[in-house]
């Protein structure tokens, strides 16, 4: 998480699904005065936010909305959970490509322009692929 936060200068976190909630297991806050703040161990709903949508999609939630997320392999949230923040969520896989969790990057909306989302997404996808390889997933 530290490396991802340092690469992007934004807050990075890793969430897992726990029943009908998501739990923030790991988090590294950006080294900025104005940033999204949440503690490790926080429990949040699965109905809003980039990491929640990833956890639902890759846990088999049916429907075209989640089919689209699975096809793209990521989800971008624009003020969905918090109107001041946007986020990118990407899945992380473990042994036999089982879902390990969701990697998330939270960015204040004024910095989360469409142009900024492109490099953030590239870094997120690479970080998720690296982490998945570490967890023994077979990634392409």
Protein backbone atom coordinates (compact mmCIF):
# COMPACT_ATOMS: atom_id res chain seq x y z
CA UNK A 1 0.00 0.00 0.00
CA UNK A 2 2.85 2.34 0.81
CA UNK A 3 4.41 1.92 -2.64
CA UNK A 4 1.08 2.54 -4.37
CA UNK A 5 0.40 5.64 -2.25
CA UNK A 6 3.90 6.96 -2.96
CA UNK A 7 3.59 6.30 -6.71
CA UNK A 8 0.27 8.12 -6.98
CA UNK A 9 0.46 10.56 -4.05
CA UNK A 10 -3.03 9.33 -3.12
CA UNK A 11 -4.49 7.06 -0.43
CA UNK A 12 -4.36 3.33 -1.18
CA UNK A 13 -6.27 0.54 0.55
CA UNK A 14 -7.07 -3.15 0.35
CA UNK A 15 -10.57 -4.44 1.20
CA UNK A 16 -12.05 -7.89 1.66
CA UNK A 17 -15.68 -8.97 1.58
CA UNK A 18 -17.09 -10.06 4.94
CA UNK A 19 -20.71 -11.15 4.54
CA UNK A 20 -22.66 -8.08 3.43
CA UNK A 21 -19.85 -5.67 4.41
CA UNK A 22 -16.34 -4.84 3.30
CA UNK A 23 -13.44 -4.51 5.70
CA UNK A 24 -10.41 -2.29 5.15
CA UNK A 25 -7.50 -4.62 5.91
CA UNK A 26 -4.62 -2.42 4.84
CA UNK A 27 -4.38 1.29 4.15
CA UNK A 28 -1.66 3.84 3.50
CA UNK A 29 -2.64 7.48 3.54
CA UNK A 30 -1.28 9.95 1.03
CA UNK A 31 1.30 12.38 2.31
CA UNK A 32 -1.01 15.36 1.70
CA UNK A 33 -2.83 17.72 3.99
CA UNK A 34 -6.15 17.19 2.15
CA UNK A 35 -6.82 13.50 1.66
CA UNK A 36 -9.41 10.84 2.29
CA UNK A 37 -9.04 9.36 5.76
CA UNK A 38 -10.30 6.01 7.04
CA UNK A 39 -8.76 3.59 9.53
CA UNK A 40 -7.69 0.02 8.88
CA UNK A 41 -10.39 -2.26 10.23
CA UNK A 42 -13.23 0.03 9.17
CA UNK A 43 -16.35 -1.81 8.06
CA UNK A 44 -18.34 -0.31 5.16
CA UNK A 45 -21.37 -1.30 3.11
CA UNK A 46 -21.18 -3.04 -0.24
CA UNK A 47 -23.73 -0.82 -1.99
CA UNK A 48 -21.47 2.14 -2.85
CA UNK A 49 -17.87 2.81 -3.79
CA UNK A 50 -15.27 1.42 -6.14
CA UNK A 51 -13.90 -1.35 -3.93
CA UNK A 52 -17.41 -2.43 -2.91
CA UNK A 53 -18.49 -2.70 -6.55
CA UNK A 54 -15.38 -4.76 -7.36
CA UNK A 55 -16.02 -7.12 -4.45
CA UNK A 56 -19.63 -7.60 -5.53
CA UNK A 57 -18.83 -8.04 -9.22
CA UNK A 58 -16.05 -10.57 -8.71
CA UNK A 59 -18.06 -12.45 -6.08
CA UNK A 60 -20.60 -13.24 -8.79
CA UNK A 61 -23.27 -10.58 -8.29
CA UNK A 62 -25.56 -10.91 -11.33
CA UNK A 63 -26.71 -8.21 -13.69
CA UNK A 64 -25.49 -6.03 -16.56
CA UNK A 65 -23.95 -3.46 -14.20
CA UNK A 66 -21.68 -6.07 -12.62
CA UNK A 67 -21.11 -7.85 -15.95
CA UNK A 68 -19.66 -4.57 -17.26
CA UNK A 69 -17.34 -4.27 -14.26
CA UNK A 70 -16.12 -7.85 -14.72
CA UNK A 71 -15.54 -7.24 -18.43
CA UNK A 72 -13.55 -4.02 -17.84
CA UNK A 73 -11.70 -5.39 -14.81
CA UNK A 74 -12.06 -2.17 -12.81
CA UNK A 75 -14.60 0.33 -11.50
CA UNK A 76 -14.33 4.10 -11.15
CA UNK A 77 -16.55 5.77 -8.59
CA UNK A 78 -17.22 9.50 -8.85
CA UNK A 79 -18.52 10.78 -5.54
CA UNK A 80 -20.58 7.64 -5.06
CA UNK A 81 -19.84 7.05 -1.37
CA UNK A 82 -18.47 10.48 -0.51
CA UNK A 83 -19.24 13.48 -2.76
CA UNK A 84 -15.74 14.91 -2.17
CA UNK A 85 -13.89 11.80 -3.36
CA UNK A 86 -13.59 9.53 -6.34
CA UNK A 87 -11.98 6.11 -6.37
CA UNK A 88 -10.68 3.34 -8.55
CA UNK A 89 -11.16 -0.28 -7.55
CA UNK A 90 -9.47 -3.30 -9.10
CA UNK A 91 -9.70 -6.98 -8.13
CA UNK A 92 -6.84 -8.93 -6.59
CA UNK A 93 -6.82 -12.68 -7.07
CA UNK A 94 -5.22 -15.51 -5.12
CA UNK A 95 -4.72 -19.25 -5.62
CA UNK A 96 -6.79 -20.68 -8.49
CA UNK A 97 -7.85 -17.13 -9.39
CA UNK A 98 -10.15 -16.87 -6.39
CA UNK A 99 -10.97 -13.32 -5.35
CA UNK A 100 -8.63 -12.18 -2.57
CA UNK A 101 -10.01 -8.66 -2.31
CA UNK A 102 -10.14 -5.25 -3.90
CA UNK A 103 -7.36 -2.74 -4.20
CA UNK A 104 -8.56 0.85 -4.06
CA UNK A 105 -7.19 4.31 -4.65
CA UNK A 106 -9.12 7.26 -3.24
CA UNK A 107 -8.65 10.72 -4.79
CA UNK A 108 -10.25 14.06 -4.00
CA UNK A 109 -12.65 15.02 -6.79
CA UNK A 110 -10.80 18.20 -7.82
CA UNK A 111 -7.73 16.04 -8.63
CA UNK A 112 -9.72 13.15 -10.13
CA UNK A 113 -10.10 14.54 -13.63
CA UNK A 114 -10.66 12.19 -16.58
CA UNK A 115 -7.05 12.88 -17.62
CA UNK A 116 -5.73 11.95 -14.17
CA UNK A 117 -7.77 8.75 -14.06
CA UNK A 118 -5.81 7.18 -16.94
CA UNK A 119 -2.39 7.00 -15.25
CA UNK A 120 -4.00 6.13 -11.89
CA UNK A 121 -5.79 3.21 -13.55
CA UNK A 122 -2.59 1.98 -15.21
CA UNK A 123 -0.76 1.99 -11.87
CA UNK A 124 -3.69 0.28 -10.15
CA UNK A 125 -3.91 -2.49 -12.75
CA UNK A 126 -0.18 -3.14 -12.53
CA UNK A 127 -0.24 -3.16 -8.72
CA UNK A 128 -3.17 -5.59 -8.68
CA UNK A 129 -1.44 -7.88 -11.19
CA UNK A 130 1.77 -7.82 -9.11
CA UNK A 131 -0.13 -8.54 -5.92
CA UNK A 132 -2.13 -11.31 -7.60
CA UNK A 133 1.12 -12.93 -8.79
CA UNK A 134 2.46 -12.73 -5.26
CA UNK A 135 -0.69 -14.47 -4.02
CA UNK A 136 -0.18 -17.22 -6.66
CA UNK A 137 -2.97 -16.29 -9.05
CA UNK A 138 -2.60 -17.09 -12.73
CA UNK A 139 -2.90 -13.67 -14.37
CA UNK A 140 -2.47 -12.69 -17.98
